[in-house]
Amino acid sequence: MNRCQFVEDHQRRHGGKRLCDILGLSRSSFYYWRCTAAARTAGQAVEAGIAARIRKVHQDSDGTYGAPRITAELRDEGGPVVNHKRVARIMRTIGLEGVRLRRRHRNTLADQAATKTPDLIGRNFTASEVNSKYVGDITYRQRAPLS
């Protein structure tokens, strides 16, 4: 519930001016909210219609289409033109997603047959004198060619 709705619900008992002052809401904002209620209701009805069309296209694609493809389908069907950003927003609100086909990349593939390099310094990285121990780390190995 927003503050304007609260004032609307309780103004007869406590007075609109007093409630607006307590809630830190300007009265002009409250009255603007009140006079635009019909437009908001009409907008919600339009959004519900678009949401139904989006659900149908999403079901027809077996749940694979995302916002760009659904937008293209809605344009092909005709009817009111819908922006892809609006389609994405409505899809977020009704909990629909398209399928993402992304390939996973693995950079390092360890060769299981290779011999392990011995630990010559015994994990003791402190040196008693300068230039007596050199340590390095190579974490990336080139993938062996497939045969």
Protein backbone atom coordinates (compact mmCIF):
# COMPACT_ATOMS: atom_id res chain seq x y z
CA MET A 1 0.00 0.00 0.00
CA ASN A 2 1.38 3.41 -0.85
CA ARG A 3 0.99 6.56 1.21
CA CYS A 4 -1.65 8.05 -1.06
CA GLN A 5 -3.83 4.96 -0.74
CA PHE A 6 -3.45 5.13 3.04
CA VAL A 7 -4.60 8.77 3.07
CA GLU A 8 -7.51 7.87 0.78
CA ASP A 9 -8.61 5.07 3.12
CA HIS A 10 -8.35 7.08 6.36
CA GLN A 11 -9.07 10.70 5.41
CA ARG A 12 -12.70 10.68 6.58
CA ARG A 13 -11.69 9.72 10.08
CA HIS A 14 -8.51 11.77 10.50
CA GLY A 15 -8.63 14.41 7.77
CA GLY A 16 -6.61 14.49 4.57
CA LYS A 17 -4.47 17.51 5.46
CA ARG A 18 -3.41 16.06 8.79
CA LEU A 19 -2.54 12.65 7.32
CA CYS A 20 -0.53 14.24 4.51
CA ASP A 21 1.45 16.28 7.05
CA ILE A 22 2.14 13.24 9.24
CA LEU A 23 3.21 11.08 6.28
CA GLY A 24 5.34 13.81 4.70
CA LEU A 25 3.20 13.81 1.58
CA SER A 26 2.31 17.00 -0.23
CA ARG A 27 -1.41 17.45 -0.64
CA SER A 28 -1.02 18.32 -4.30
CA SER A 29 0.65 14.93 -4.87
CA PHE A 30 -2.23 13.20 -3.11
CA TYR A 31 -4.87 15.01 -5.15
CA TYR A 32 -2.95 14.37 -8.37
CA TRP A 33 -2.78 10.66 -7.48
CA ARG A 34 -6.49 10.71 -6.78
CA CYS A 35 -7.50 12.33 -10.09
CA THR A 36 -5.29 9.97 -12.13
CA ALA A 37 -6.79 6.80 -10.61
CA ALA A 38 -8.93 6.13 -13.69
CA ALA A 39 -5.94 6.41 -16.01
CA ARG A 40 -3.92 4.06 -13.78
CA THR A 41 -6.72 1.51 -13.82
CA ALA A 42 -6.97 1.72 -17.60
CA GLY A 43 -3.20 1.33 -17.90
CA GLN A 44 -3.27 -1.75 -15.67
CA ALA A 45 -5.99 -3.25 -17.85
CA VAL A 46 -3.88 -2.67 -20.97
CA GLU A 47 -0.84 -4.23 -19.22
CA ALA A 48 -2.96 -7.26 -18.27
CA GLY A 49 -3.99 -7.70 -21.91
CA ILE A 50 -0.38 -7.46 -23.08
CA ALA A 51 0.65 -9.92 -20.35
CA ALA A 52 -1.93 -12.42 -21.63
CA ARG A 53 -0.59 -12.06 -25.19
CA ILE A 54 2.98 -12.49 -23.91
CA ARG A 55 2.02 -15.64 -21.98
CA LYS A 56 0.41 -17.11 -25.10
CA VAL A 57 3.46 -16.45 -27.30
CA HIS A 58 5.76 -17.78 -24.58
CA GLN A 59 3.70 -20.98 -24.26
CA ASP A 60 3.56 -21.42 -28.05
CA SER A 61 7.37 -21.32 -28.13
CA ASP A 62 7.57 -23.96 -25.37
CA GLY A 63 9.00 -21.37 -23.01
CA THR A 64 12.07 -20.63 -25.12
CA TYR A 65 11.40 -17.14 -26.45
CA GLY A 66 12.77 -14.13 -24.60
CA ALA A 67 11.71 -10.49 -24.80
CA PRO A 68 13.18 -9.68 -28.26
CA ARG A 69 11.53 -12.63 -30.00
CA ILE A 70 8.25 -12.16 -28.17
CA THR A 71 8.27 -8.49 -29.22
CA ALA A 72 8.77 -9.55 -32.84
CA GLU A 73 5.92 -12.07 -32.58
CA LEU A 74 3.58 -9.46 -31.08
CA ARG A 75 4.40 -7.07 -33.92
CA ASP A 76 3.73 -9.80 -36.48
CA GLU A 77 0.34 -10.55 -34.89
CA GLY A 78 -0.74 -6.95 -35.20
CA GLY A 79 -2.56 -5.05 -32.52
CA PRO A 80 -0.98 -2.29 -30.46
CA VAL A 81 2.76 -1.85 -30.98
CA VAL A 82 4.77 -2.85 -27.92
CA ASN A 83 8.34 -1.84 -27.16
CA HIS A 84 10.85 -4.58 -26.25
CA LYS A 85 11.62 -2.85 -22.96
CA ARG A 86 7.97 -2.95 -21.98
CA VAL A 87 7.78 -6.63 -22.94
CA ALA A 88 10.87 -7.34 -20.80
CA ARG A 89 9.39 -5.45 -17.84
CA ILE A 90 6.06 -7.27 -18.08
CA MET A 91 7.86 -10.62 -18.43
CA ARG A 92 9.81 -9.85 -15.24
CA THR A 93 6.65 -8.98 -13.34
CA ILE A 94 4.82 -12.16 -14.38
CA GLY A 95 7.91 -14.33 -13.90
CA LEU A 96 8.64 -15.44 -17.47
CA GLU A 97 12.12 -15.96 -18.92
CA GLY A 98 13.47 -17.14 -22.21
CA VAL A 99 16.02 -19.92 -22.50
CA ARG A 100 19.66 -18.84 -22.57
CA LEU A 101 21.81 -21.06 -24.72
CA ARG A 102 25.32 -20.17 -23.65
CA ARG A 103 28.34 -22.39 -23.96
CA ARG A 104 30.36 -22.79 -20.82
CA HIS A 105 34.05 -22.19 -21.22
CA ARG A 106 36.61 -24.10 -19.21
CA ASN A 107 40.07 -22.66 -19.42
CA THR A 108 42.01 -25.27 -17.48
CA LEU A 109 41.76 -28.96 -18.15
CA ALA A 110 44.22 -30.94 -16.07
CA ASP A 111 45.91 -33.86 -17.75
CA GLN A 112 45.20 -36.76 -15.40
CA ALA A 113 47.97 -38.93 -16.91
CA ALA A 114 50.70 -36.32 -16.44
CA THR A 115 53.14 -36.67 -13.55
CA LYS A 116 52.79 -34.12 -10.79
CA THR A 117 55.62 -31.66 -10.32
CA PRO A 118 57.47 -32.27 -7.05
CA ASP A 119 57.42 -29.63 -4.30
CA LEU A 120 61.14 -28.87 -4.00
CA ILE A 121 60.89 -26.24 -1.27
CA GLY A 122 58.37 -28.12 0.91
CA ARG A 123 55.83 -25.26 0.90
CA ASN A 124 58.28 -23.09 2.83
CA PHE A 125 58.26 -19.78 0.96
CA THR A 126 60.48 -17.82 3.36
CA ALA A 127 64.13 -17.45 2.38
CA SER A 128 67.05 -16.95 4.71
CA GLU A 129 68.96 -14.90 2.12
CA VAL A 130 68.17 -12.99 -1.05
CA ASN A 131 68.02 -14.91 -4.36
CA SER A 132 67.98 -18.35 -2.79
CA LYS A 133 64.40 -19.40 -3.64
CA TYR A 134 62.36 -18.60 -6.72
CA VAL A 135 58.66 -19.38 -6.76
CA GLY A 136 56.16 -19.15 -9.60
CA ASP A 137 52.65 -20.30 -10.40
CA ILE A 138 51.25 -21.30 -13.75
CA THR A 139 47.57 -22.10 -13.45
CA TYR A 140 46.69 -22.26 -17.14
CA ARG A 141 47.58 -25.31 -19.20
CA GLN A 142 47.06 -25.63 -22.89
CA ARG A 143 44.43 -28.19 -23.77
CA ALA A 144 45.79 -31.37 -25.29
CA PRO A 145 44.77 -31.90 -28.92
CA LEU A 146 41.90 -34.29 -29.50
CA SER A 147 42.77 -37.41 -31.41
